[in-house]
Amino acid sequence: MHIQLVRHATLKVAYGGRTFLIDPMFSDAGELPAVPNTPNQRANPLVDLPFSVEEVLAGVDAIVITHTHRDHLDEKAMSLLPRNLPVFCQQPDEEMLLQQGFSQVTAIKDEHDWQGIRLNRTAGQHGTGEIGKAMGPVSGFVLQAPGEPTLYMAGDTIWCDEVGQTIQRFSPDAIVVFAGAARFLAGDPITMTKEDIASVAAAAPDSHVLVAHMETWNHCLLSRSELREFLSEHKLQERVLVPNDGEIVAHL
């Protein structure tokens, strides 16, 4: 297994002899408006892709969509993704993806086996209170295959019971968390904070944690440098990895 952070939530995951593209978002820097009612009113994304869309798509066997917010599946990606690739998603997003012309959409309620790989859908909380409800349903996915480490991609969630229960159930070898401490002008963060990441690491002491979803979207206010400093202070820097865009992490 190896994981490449493309940018934000977009990942390429080589697993079980197949390559998955996670949450493709292909827009150029500044092409999309800022999320309203947020502290940092800069156009999105804040940075360009580290390489071309053609390179992102090279070798991809299947697509995984954790949810269909614009920073996880944008209009540019929908226009460029091959319609014949298998797409795995949560049930609320199935109809939209079918309407977009994808011919092999599988909405996973609990688990699904594909090409010798088991995909388990997991739950989370995309924020708290009324904001969390307004953000709608989100999912994560656990990948399992013979001879491969168990990989948990938590999706857009804060630290919550659902995340803790997933860690307890699957004992993942590697965990990808979507961080950035994204927030609006009111309410609590809707993606993981540095404290949430520490909670994940504490709940999974034998796991490596990889942090994505940073420094790309205008309301993600937690920077890599701030997180790395926090991890160093808490002696977590060996187990919690904060890759740069385009970086490949292997041997988790």
Foldseek 3Di string as FASTA:
>chain_A
DKKAFFAAQWIWDCDPNAIETFQDAADAAQPAFADPQFDFGGGFFNHHGPDHPVVSPPRHQAYEYQDVDCSRPNPVNLVPPDLAHAYEYAPVCQVVNVVSRRDHYDHDPAWDDDPQKIKGKFFAFQFDDPVSVVVPGGIWIWIDGPPTFIETEGTFHEQDPRLLVVCVVRLGQEYEFRALQFDGNDHGGRGYDLVRVVVSCVSRVNHAYEYGRHNTHRRSHDHPVNSCVVCVVVVNPVRYHYDDNRDMGDDD
